[in-house]
Amino acid sequence: MTTNDITKLLREWPYENGKLNVRIIEGENGRELIQLRIELGVVQMELQGRPDGVLQDGFPTLLALFEERGTHGGIAPDICRQLREEGVQRSHRAAALFSLHRFENVIHDCDRNLEIFDLCKHNASEEQDRVALEQFRPAVIALRTRAAAEWAVSLEDTIEAMAAIDEGLLALQELLGDEAEHSNEVQLLRGMKEALVPRLPTSERADLKERLAAAIANENYELAAILRDEIRLLRE
């Protein structure tokens, strides 16, 4: 007689309060699966496609379905809701992957969620569905930026890490405008940059002033402000 009782699994992997308890296991056919230990059990997610592994009319994700078939006539409210639900699943997976230092996978999930945001913003039939996801865009941009920077740091490429943070800060400033100064995401990325600046090689430090002059000449004042911050940190 077979049993579906998972008590042994739970005892072998106890829940730890205040910690993101995540691991990668090997599933059927050798594919990787993500397991998240929660207080009352275990959540399991696919690493590829939708985290729940449910095909969408034969496609690995609902987003992939729309990319193939298009959005003729707009996207109805119930489909927008399904897209949001898919995005929530992917955001949970991205958080788990970040804790596992699977930064390339985090970037992929963030990019896919940003594509869902754009899809709904430009094609939803109802106004409320066009704006519903925009409140989450800064957080996704910040997580993607952090993953890109951490990935570069793991490869001992401080210059690339700084470039990733600058790109993320610029995207947030363009998105938020005057509100960027009060954004938690902006403050978080600036904190990462402050920690990285002292590790820049001498050649890159000298290049900052040239990049600043070029940004001003091209009237790219948002980038110029970011570079000024980096130069100020070097002097400190």
Protein backbone atom coordinates (compact mmCIF):
# COMPACT_ATOMS: atom_id res chain seq x y z
CA MET A 1 0.00 0.00 0.00
CA THR A 2 1.40 3.37 -1.02
CA THR A 3 1.10 6.48 1.11
CA ASN A 4 1.17 10.19 0.37
CA ASP A 5 2.18 11.04 3.92
CA ILE A 6 5.10 13.54 3.87
CA THR A 7 5.77 13.51 7.62
CA LYS A 8 9.22 11.93 7.15
CA LEU A 9 10.20 14.60 4.61
CA LEU A 10 9.12 17.38 6.96
CA ARG A 11 11.01 15.89 9.89
CA GLU A 12 14.18 15.53 7.84
CA TRP A 13 13.93 19.14 6.73
CA PRO A 14 12.64 21.14 9.72
CA TYR A 15 11.19 24.61 9.31
CA GLU A 16 13.41 27.46 10.55
CA ASN A 17 11.54 30.57 11.62
CA GLY A 18 12.84 33.87 10.22
CA LYS A 19 14.78 32.19 7.42
CA LEU A 20 13.99 31.57 3.77
CA ASN A 21 14.31 27.79 3.70
CA VAL A 22 14.99 26.89 0.06
CA ARG A 23 16.78 24.10 -1.74
CA ILE A 24 17.23 22.61 -5.21
CA ILE A 25 16.41 18.94 -5.71
CA GLU A 26 16.50 16.61 -8.70
CA GLY A 27 13.10 15.56 -9.96
CA GLU A 28 11.97 13.07 -12.57
CA ASN A 29 14.03 12.96 -15.76
CA GLY A 30 16.84 14.72 -13.91
CA ARG A 31 15.17 18.14 -14.01
CA GLU A 32 15.85 20.66 -11.25
CA LEU A 33 13.05 21.59 -8.86
CA ILE A 34 12.93 24.27 -6.19
CA GLN A 35 11.52 23.43 -2.79
CA LEU A 36 10.51 26.05 -0.27
CA ARG A 37 9.96 24.91 3.32
CA ILE A 38 7.08 26.74 4.96
CA GLU A 39 5.70 26.29 8.46
CA LEU A 40 2.95 23.90 7.41
CA GLY A 41 4.69 21.99 4.65
CA VAL A 42 6.68 22.32 1.43
CA VAL A 43 6.06 24.33 -1.73
CA GLN A 44 7.62 22.87 -4.87
CA MET A 45 8.28 24.88 -8.03
CA GLU A 46 9.51 24.03 -11.49
CA LEU A 47 12.68 25.83 -12.54
CA GLN A 48 11.56 26.14 -16.17
CA GLY A 49 8.28 27.52 -17.49
CA ARG A 50 5.55 28.28 -14.98
CA PRO A 51 6.54 27.52 -11.38
CA ASP A 52 3.43 25.34 -11.00
CA GLY A 53 4.31 23.40 -14.17
CA VAL A 54 0.80 23.76 -15.63
CA LEU A 55 0.77 24.14 -19.41
CA GLN A 56 -1.31 26.95 -20.88
CA ASP A 57 -3.07 25.56 -23.93
CA GLY A 58 0.10 23.66 -24.76
CA PHE A 59 2.48 26.52 -23.98
CA PRO A 60 4.90 26.56 -21.02
CA THR A 61 3.51 29.91 -19.81
CA LEU A 62 0.56 32.16 -20.52
CA LEU A 63 3.04 34.85 -21.53
CA ALA A 64 4.54 32.51 -24.14
CA LEU A 65 1.07 31.84 -25.50
CA PHE A 66 0.48 35.54 -26.12
CA GLU A 67 3.92 35.99 -27.63
CA GLU A 68 3.04 33.31 -30.18
CA ARG A 69 -0.59 34.22 -30.87
CA GLY A 70 -0.60 37.97 -30.32
CA THR A 71 -3.12 40.15 -28.50
CA HIS A 72 -5.66 40.89 -31.22
CA GLY A 73 -8.67 42.69 -29.75
CA GLY A 74 -7.00 43.33 -26.41
CA ILE A 75 -6.73 41.22 -23.27
CA ALA A 76 -9.91 40.57 -21.30
CA PRO A 77 -10.02 41.16 -17.52
CA ASP A 78 -10.09 37.46 -16.61
CA ILE A 79 -6.98 36.80 -18.72
CA CYS A 80 -5.23 39.80 -17.14
CA ARG A 81 -5.98 38.26 -13.77
CA GLN A 82 -4.43 34.98 -14.91
CA LEU A 83 -1.35 36.84 -16.15
CA ARG A 84 -1.03 38.54 -12.76
CA GLU A 85 -1.29 35.17 -11.01
CA GLU A 86 1.46 33.80 -13.24
CA GLY A 87 3.57 36.81 -12.38
CA VAL A 88 3.07 36.25 -8.65
CA GLN A 89 4.24 32.66 -9.02
CA ARG A 90 7.32 33.84 -10.87
CA SER A 91 8.08 36.51 -8.26
CA HIS A 92 8.04 33.86 -5.51
CA ARG A 93 10.43 31.75 -7.55
CA ALA A 94 12.73 34.70 -8.19
CA ALA A 95 12.99 35.40 -4.46
CA ALA A 96 13.84 31.75 -3.80
CA LEU A 97 16.42 31.70 -6.58
CA PHE A 98 18.06 34.87 -5.26
CA SER A 99 18.59 33.23 -1.88
CA LEU A 100 20.20 30.28 -3.72
CA HIS A 101 22.51 32.64 -5.64
CA ARG A 102 21.01 31.50 -8.94
CA PHE A 103 21.31 35.03 -10.24
CA GLU A 104 21.00 34.26 -13.95
CA ASN A 105 17.65 32.58 -13.29
CA VAL A 106 16.52 35.55 -11.18
CA ILE A 107 17.27 37.92 -14.06
CA HIS A 108 15.28 35.71 -16.44
CA ASP A 109 12.23 35.64 -14.15
CA CYS A 110 12.37 39.40 -13.57
CA ASP A 111 12.59 40.04 -17.31
CA ARG A 112 9.60 37.80 -17.93
CA ASN A 113 7.56 39.57 -15.28
CA LEU A 114 8.44 42.95 -16.76
CA GLU A 115 7.18 41.61 -20.09
CA ILE A 116 3.87 40.72 -18.39
CA PHE A 117 3.69 44.26 -17.01
CA ASP A 118 4.21 45.69 -20.51
CA LEU A 119 1.76 43.25 -22.06
CA CYS A 120 -1.03 44.30 -19.70
CA LYS A 121 -0.10 47.99 -19.75
CA HIS A 122 -0.37 48.22 -23.53
CA ASN A 123 -3.04 45.63 -24.35
CA ALA A 124 -5.49 45.23 -21.46
CA SER A 125 -9.09 46.03 -22.37
CA GLU A 126 -9.81 47.69 -19.02
CA GLU A 127 -7.94 50.68 -17.58
CA GLN A 128 -7.65 49.10 -14.14
CA ASP A 129 -5.85 46.13 -15.66
CA ARG A 130 -3.47 48.42 -17.55
CA VAL A 131 -2.25 50.03 -14.32
CA ALA A 132 -2.65 47.20 -11.79
CA LEU A 133 0.90 45.88 -12.09
CA GLU A 134 2.74 49.18 -12.37
CA GLN A 135 3.07 49.53 -8.59
CA PHE A 136 5.34 46.47 -8.61
CA ARG A 137 7.62 47.57 -11.45
CA PRO A 138 10.20 49.36 -9.22
CA ALA A 139 10.61 46.28 -7.00
CA VAL A 140 11.15 44.00 -10.00
CA ILE A 141 13.69 46.40 -11.53
CA ALA A 142 15.53 46.56 -8.21
CA LEU A 143 15.61 42.77 -7.78
CA ARG A 144 16.87 42.31 -11.33
CA THR A 145 19.58 44.92 -10.73
CA ARG A 146 20.66 43.31 -7.47
CA ALA A 147 20.87 39.91 -9.16
CA ALA A 148 22.95 41.30 -12.03
CA ALA A 149 25.29 43.08 -9.63
CA GLU A 150 25.67 40.07 -7.33
CA TRP A 151 26.34 37.84 -10.32
CA ALA A 152 29.10 40.17 -11.48
CA VAL A 153 30.58 40.31 -7.97
CA SER A 154 30.62 36.50 -7.82
CA LEU A 155 32.72 36.62 -11.01
CA GLU A 156 34.99 39.23 -9.39
CA ASP A 157 33.93 41.84 -11.95
CA THR A 158 33.34 44.96 -9.86
CA ILE A 159 33.19 47.20 -12.93
CA GLU A 160 30.31 45.18 -14.41
CA ALA A 161 28.55 45.17 -11.02
CA MET A 162 28.73 48.96 -10.86
CA ALA A 163 27.47 49.23 -14.43
CA ALA A 164 24.49 47.01 -13.56
CA ILE A 165 23.62 49.18 -10.56
CA ASP A 166 23.95 52.38 -12.61
CA GLU A 167 21.60 50.92 -15.22
CA GLY A 168 19.08 49.99 -12.56
CA LEU A 169 19.25 53.39 -10.88
CA LEU A 170 18.78 55.12 -14.22
CA ALA A 171 15.73 52.96 -14.99
CA LEU A 172 14.20 53.74 -11.60
CA GLN A 173 14.84 57.45 -11.93
CA GLU A 174 13.27 57.54 -15.38
CA LEU A 175 10.28 55.57 -14.06
CA LEU A 176 9.74 57.43 -10.78
CA GLY A 177 10.89 60.95 -11.61
CA ASP A 178 10.94 63.19 -8.55
CA GLU A 179 9.69 60.32 -6.39
CA ALA A 180 12.94 58.42 -6.93
CA GLU A 181 14.60 60.19 -4.01
CA HIS A 182 12.04 58.69 -1.64
CA SER A 183 12.13 55.20 -3.17
CA ASN A 184 13.27 52.29 -1.01
CA GLU A 185 14.50 50.55 -4.14
CA VAL A 186 16.72 53.50 -5.07
CA GLN A 187 18.14 53.69 -1.55
CA LEU A 188 18.87 49.97 -1.58
CA LEU A 189 20.79 50.16 -4.85
CA ARG A 190 22.71 53.22 -3.69
CA GLY A 191 23.74 51.27 -0.61
CA MET A 192 25.07 48.48 -2.82
CA LYS A 193 27.01 51.02 -4.85
CA GLU A 194 28.58 52.60 -1.79
CA ALA A 195 29.86 49.19 -0.75
CA LEU A 196 31.33 48.51 -4.19
CA VAL A 197 32.99 51.86 -5.02
CA PRO A 198 36.07 51.31 -2.81
CA ARG A 199 36.74 48.06 -4.69
CA LEU A 200 36.98 49.75 -8.10
CA PRO A 201 40.39 49.44 -9.81
CA THR A 202 42.42 52.61 -10.30
CA SER A 203 41.82 52.64 -14.06
CA GLU A 204 38.04 52.63 -13.59
CA ARG A 205 38.20 55.41 -11.02
CA ALA A 206 40.05 57.62 -13.49
CA ASP A 207 37.47 56.79 -16.16
CA LEU A 208 34.56 58.06 -14.06
CA LYS A 209 35.35 61.71 -14.75
CA GLU A 210 35.52 61.05 -18.50
CA ARG A 211 32.15 59.27 -18.37
CA LEU A 212 30.71 62.18 -16.38
CA ALA A 213 31.93 64.72 -18.95
CA ALA A 214 30.46 62.64 -21.79
CA ALA A 215 27.12 62.31 -19.98
CA ILE A 216 26.92 66.09 -19.50
CA ALA A 217 27.89 66.71 -23.12
CA ASN A 218 25.10 64.39 -24.24
CA GLU A 219 22.67 66.08 -21.81
CA ASN A 220 22.13 62.75 -20.03
CA TYR A 221 21.73 64.44 -16.67
CA GLU A 222 20.27 61.41 -14.90
CA LEU A 223 23.39 59.38 -15.64
CA ALA A 224 25.57 62.37 -14.78
CA ALA A 225 23.98 62.54 -11.33
CA ILE A 226 24.72 58.85 -10.76
CA LEU A 227 28.36 59.29 -11.81
CA ARG A 228 28.76 62.34 -9.57
CA ASP A 229 27.64 60.21 -6.63
CA GLU A 230 30.30 57.63 -7.46
CA ILE A 231 33.03 60.29 -7.68
CA ARG A 232 31.90 61.76 -4.35
CA LEU A 233 32.11 58.34 -2.71
CA LEU A 234 35.64 57.87 -4.01
CA ARG A 235 36.73 61.14 -2.44
CA GLU A 236 35.23 60.15 0.88
